[in-house]
Amino acid sequence: MDRSILWRAAATQVLLVAVVSLLLAVILPHSFFEDWGWLTGPAAWLGCAAITAWALRLPIPGVMLGAALAGIPSALAVLAGIHWLGVAIAIAAFAAWCAWLAVRPERLRWT
């Protein structure tokens, strides 16, 4: 596990998710998220993960798989009514995945 990637992936994902969340909250009404949050949340999460992969020079397909897997706890937390705790857990899992992937890129690099 590459600790440098762990912390940089976590910081990058936190920053991107926070910026996207604030931007969407400012430009869209709350009712939008009641109807479409189930789609915009995961789409924003995956978009932020793709940017994180690019910024850290990690294989995008492998990072996207990790982002999808790390998003599962977040989805469960949303269902339980504790959305932001789920995001924190997902970011930790995502960062750990990126750190693991950084030292084993050949395992998840598709051509």
C-alpha atoms as a PDB file:
ATOM      1  CA  MET A   1       0.000   0.000   0.000  1.00  0.00           C
ATOM      2  CA  ASP A   2       1.340   3.415  -0.999  1.00  0.00           C
ATOM      3  CA  ARG A   3       0.650   5.777   1.928  1.00  0.00           C
ATOM      4  CA  SER A   4       1.340   8.849  -0.164  1.00  0.00           C
ATOM      5  CA  ILE A   5      -1.398   7.821  -2.596  1.00  0.00           C
ATOM      6  CA  LEU A   6      -3.687   6.935   0.318  1.00  0.00           C
ATOM      7  CA  TRP A   7      -3.629  10.473   1.713  1.00  0.00           C
ATOM      8  CA  ARG A   8      -3.603  12.221  -1.644  1.00  0.00           C
ATOM      9  CA  ALA A   9      -6.526  10.137  -2.913  1.00  0.00           C
ATOM     10  CA  ALA A  10      -8.507  10.840   0.258  1.00  0.00           C
ATOM     11  CA  ALA A  11      -7.768  14.582   0.157  1.00  0.00           C
ATOM     12  CA  THR A  12      -8.525  14.867  -3.556  1.00  0.00           C
ATOM     13  CA  GLN A  13     -11.783  12.947  -3.294  1.00  0.00           C
ATOM     14  CA  VAL A  14     -12.903  14.937  -0.237  1.00  0.00           C
ATOM     15  CA  LEU A  15     -12.161  18.220  -1.981  1.00  0.00           C
ATOM     16  CA  LEU A  16     -13.879  17.231  -5.215  1.00  0.00           C
ATOM     17  CA  VAL A  17     -16.945  15.753  -3.521  1.00  0.00           C
ATOM     18  CA  ALA A  18     -17.284  18.847  -1.313  1.00  0.00           C
ATOM     19  CA  VAL A  19     -16.999  21.231  -4.262  1.00  0.00           C
ATOM     20  CA  VAL A  20     -19.472  19.285  -6.399  1.00  0.00           C
ATOM     21  CA  SER A  21     -21.903  18.933  -3.468  1.00  0.00           C
ATOM     22  CA  LEU A  22     -21.807  22.643  -2.691  1.00  0.00           C
ATOM     23  CA  LEU A  23     -22.137  23.595  -6.336  1.00  0.00           C
ATOM     24  CA  LEU A  24     -25.137  21.318  -6.848  1.00  0.00           C
ATOM     25  CA  ALA A  25     -26.735  22.539  -3.608  1.00  0.00           C
ATOM     26  CA  VAL A  26     -26.442  26.130  -4.778  1.00  0.00           C
ATOM     27  CA  ILE A  27     -27.762  25.667  -8.302  1.00  0.00           C
ATOM     28  CA  LEU A  28     -30.467  23.044  -7.754  1.00  0.00           C
ATOM     29  CA  PRO A  29     -33.507  23.051  -5.462  1.00  0.00           C
ATOM     30  CA  HIS A  30     -33.772  20.565  -2.608  1.00  0.00           C
ATOM     31  CA  SER A  31     -36.692  18.867  -4.347  1.00  0.00           C
ATOM     32  CA  PHE A  32     -34.355  17.869  -7.186  1.00  0.00           C
ATOM     33  CA  PHE A  33     -32.337  15.717  -4.798  1.00  0.00           C
ATOM     34  CA  GLU A  34     -35.456  14.090  -3.379  1.00  0.00           C
ATOM     35  CA  ASP A  35     -36.354  12.929  -6.885  1.00  0.00           C
ATOM     36  CA  TRP A  36     -32.949  12.509  -8.531  1.00  0.00           C
ATOM     37  CA  GLY A  37     -30.425  12.171  -5.700  1.00  0.00           C
ATOM     38  CA  TRP A  38     -30.221   8.430  -6.230  1.00  0.00           C
ATOM     39  CA  LEU A  39     -28.734   9.162  -9.678  1.00  0.00           C
ATOM     40  CA  THR A  40     -26.819  12.412  -9.214  1.00  0.00           C
ATOM     41  CA  GLY A  41     -25.017  11.251  -6.060  1.00  0.00           C
ATOM     42  CA  PRO A  42     -23.412   8.164  -7.597  1.00  0.00           C
ATOM     43  CA  ALA A  43     -22.724  10.030 -10.864  1.00  0.00           C
ATOM     44  CA  ALA A  44     -20.965  12.823  -8.968  1.00  0.00           C
ATOM     45  CA  TRP A  45     -19.021  10.284  -6.891  1.00  0.00           C
ATOM     46  CA  LEU A  46     -17.820   8.447 -10.009  1.00  0.00           C
ATOM     47  CA  GLY A  47     -16.967  11.710 -11.776  1.00  0.00           C
ATOM     48  CA  CYS A  48     -14.881  12.823  -8.805  1.00  0.00           C
ATOM     49  CA  ALA A  49     -13.185   9.408  -8.708  1.00  0.00           C
ATOM     50  CA  ALA A  50     -12.267   9.681 -12.391  1.00  0.00           C
ATOM     51  CA  ILE A  51     -10.685  13.085 -11.789  1.00  0.00           C
ATOM     52  CA  THR A  52      -8.845  11.700  -8.758  1.00  0.00           C
ATOM     53  CA  ALA A  53      -7.511   8.821 -10.858  1.00  0.00           C
ATOM     54  CA  TRP A  54      -6.328  11.224 -13.534  1.00  0.00           C
ATOM     55  CA  ALA A  55      -4.723  13.589 -11.015  1.00  0.00           C
ATOM     56  CA  LEU A  56      -2.839  10.758  -9.293  1.00  0.00           C
ATOM     57  CA  ARG A  57      -1.973   8.986 -12.561  1.00  0.00           C
ATOM     58  CA  LEU A  58      -3.763   5.803 -11.578  1.00  0.00           C
ATOM     59  CA  PRO A  59      -5.520   3.477 -14.046  1.00  0.00           C
ATOM     60  CA  ILE A  60      -8.998   4.913 -14.477  1.00  0.00           C
ATOM     61  CA  PRO A  61     -10.839   1.568 -14.937  1.00  0.00           C
ATOM     62  CA  GLY A  62      -9.334   0.174 -11.733  1.00  0.00           C
ATOM     63  CA  VAL A  63     -10.104   3.329  -9.796  1.00  0.00           C
ATOM     64  CA  MET A  64     -13.678   3.372 -11.100  1.00  0.00           C
ATOM     65  CA  LEU A  65     -14.163  -0.201  -9.903  1.00  0.00           C
ATOM     66  CA  GLY A  66     -12.836   0.805  -6.491  1.00  0.00           C
ATOM     67  CA  ALA A  67     -15.109   3.838  -6.430  1.00  0.00           C
ATOM     68  CA  ALA A  68     -18.133   1.676  -7.182  1.00  0.00           C
ATOM     69  CA  LEU A  69     -17.222  -0.786  -4.443  1.00  0.00           C
ATOM     70  CA  ALA A  70     -16.475   1.994  -1.958  1.00  0.00           C
ATOM     71  CA  GLY A  71     -19.826   3.571  -2.788  1.00  0.00           C
ATOM     72  CA  ILE A  72     -21.724   0.572  -1.420  1.00  0.00           C
ATOM     73  CA  PRO A  73     -21.310   1.606   2.259  1.00  0.00           C
ATOM     74  CA  SER A  74     -22.414   5.112   1.322  1.00  0.00           C
ATOM     75  CA  ALA A  75     -25.571   3.746  -0.298  1.00  0.00           C
ATOM     76  CA  LEU A  76     -26.316   1.673   2.799  1.00  0.00           C
ATOM     77  CA  ALA A  77     -25.785   4.731   5.000  1.00  0.00           C
ATOM     78  CA  VAL A  78     -28.209   6.756   2.866  1.00  0.00           C
ATOM     79  CA  LEU A  79     -30.823   4.060   3.369  1.00  0.00           C
ATOM     80  CA  ALA A  80     -30.136   4.181   7.123  1.00  0.00           C
ATOM     81  CA  GLY A  81     -30.446   7.985   7.151  1.00  0.00           C
ATOM     82  CA  ILE A  82     -26.773   8.747   7.901  1.00  0.00           C
ATOM     83  CA  HIS A  83     -25.583   9.942   4.504  1.00  0.00           C
ATOM     84  CA  TRP A  84     -22.452  11.860   5.499  1.00  0.00           C
ATOM     85  CA  LEU A  85     -21.109   9.030   7.670  1.00  0.00           C
ATOM     86  CA  GLY A  86     -21.414   6.810   4.626  1.00  0.00           C
ATOM     87  CA  VAL A  87     -19.455   9.323   2.563  1.00  0.00           C
ATOM     88  CA  ALA A  88     -16.653   9.335   5.154  1.00  0.00           C
ATOM     89  CA  ILE A  89     -16.496   5.532   5.133  1.00  0.00           C
ATOM     90  CA  ALA A  90     -16.606   5.461   1.329  1.00  0.00           C
ATOM     91  CA  ILE A  91     -13.751   7.968   1.063  1.00  0.00           C
ATOM     92  CA  ALA A  92     -11.615   5.907   3.443  1.00  0.00           C
ATOM     93  CA  ALA A  93     -12.325   2.718   1.484  1.00  0.00           C
ATOM     94  CA  PHE A  94     -11.733   4.488  -1.832  1.00  0.00           C
ATOM     95  CA  ALA A  95      -8.403   5.924  -0.671  1.00  0.00           C
ATOM     96  CA  ALA A  96      -7.283   2.513   0.583  1.00  0.00           C
ATOM     97  CA  TRP A  97      -8.228   0.981  -2.764  1.00  0.00           C
ATOM     98  CA  CYS A  98      -6.234   3.636  -4.639  1.00  0.00           C
ATOM     99  CA  ALA A  99      -3.238   3.071  -2.353  1.00  0.00           C
ATOM    100  CA  TRP A 100      -3.437  -0.670  -2.986  1.00  0.00           C
ATOM    101  CA  LEU A 101      -3.860  -0.120  -6.719  1.00  0.00           C
ATOM    102  CA  ALA A 102      -0.817   2.169  -6.867  1.00  0.00           C
ATOM    103  CA  VAL A 103       1.498  -0.700  -5.967  1.00  0.00           C
ATOM    104  CA  ARG A 104      -0.366  -3.307  -8.050  1.00  0.00           C
ATOM    105  CA  PRO A 105      -1.488  -1.485 -11.219  1.00  0.00           C
ATOM    106  CA  GLU A 106      -1.076  -4.507 -13.490  1.00  0.00           C
ATOM    107  CA  ARG A 107      -3.942  -6.333 -11.761  1.00  0.00           C
ATOM    108  CA  LEU A 108      -6.619  -3.874 -12.831  1.00  0.00           C
ATOM    109  CA  ARG A 109      -5.248  -2.300 -15.993  1.00  0.00           C
ATOM    110  CA  TRP A 110      -7.443  -3.152 -18.970  1.00  0.00           C
ATOM    111  CA  THR A 111      -6.522  -2.323 -22.537  1.00  0.00           C
END
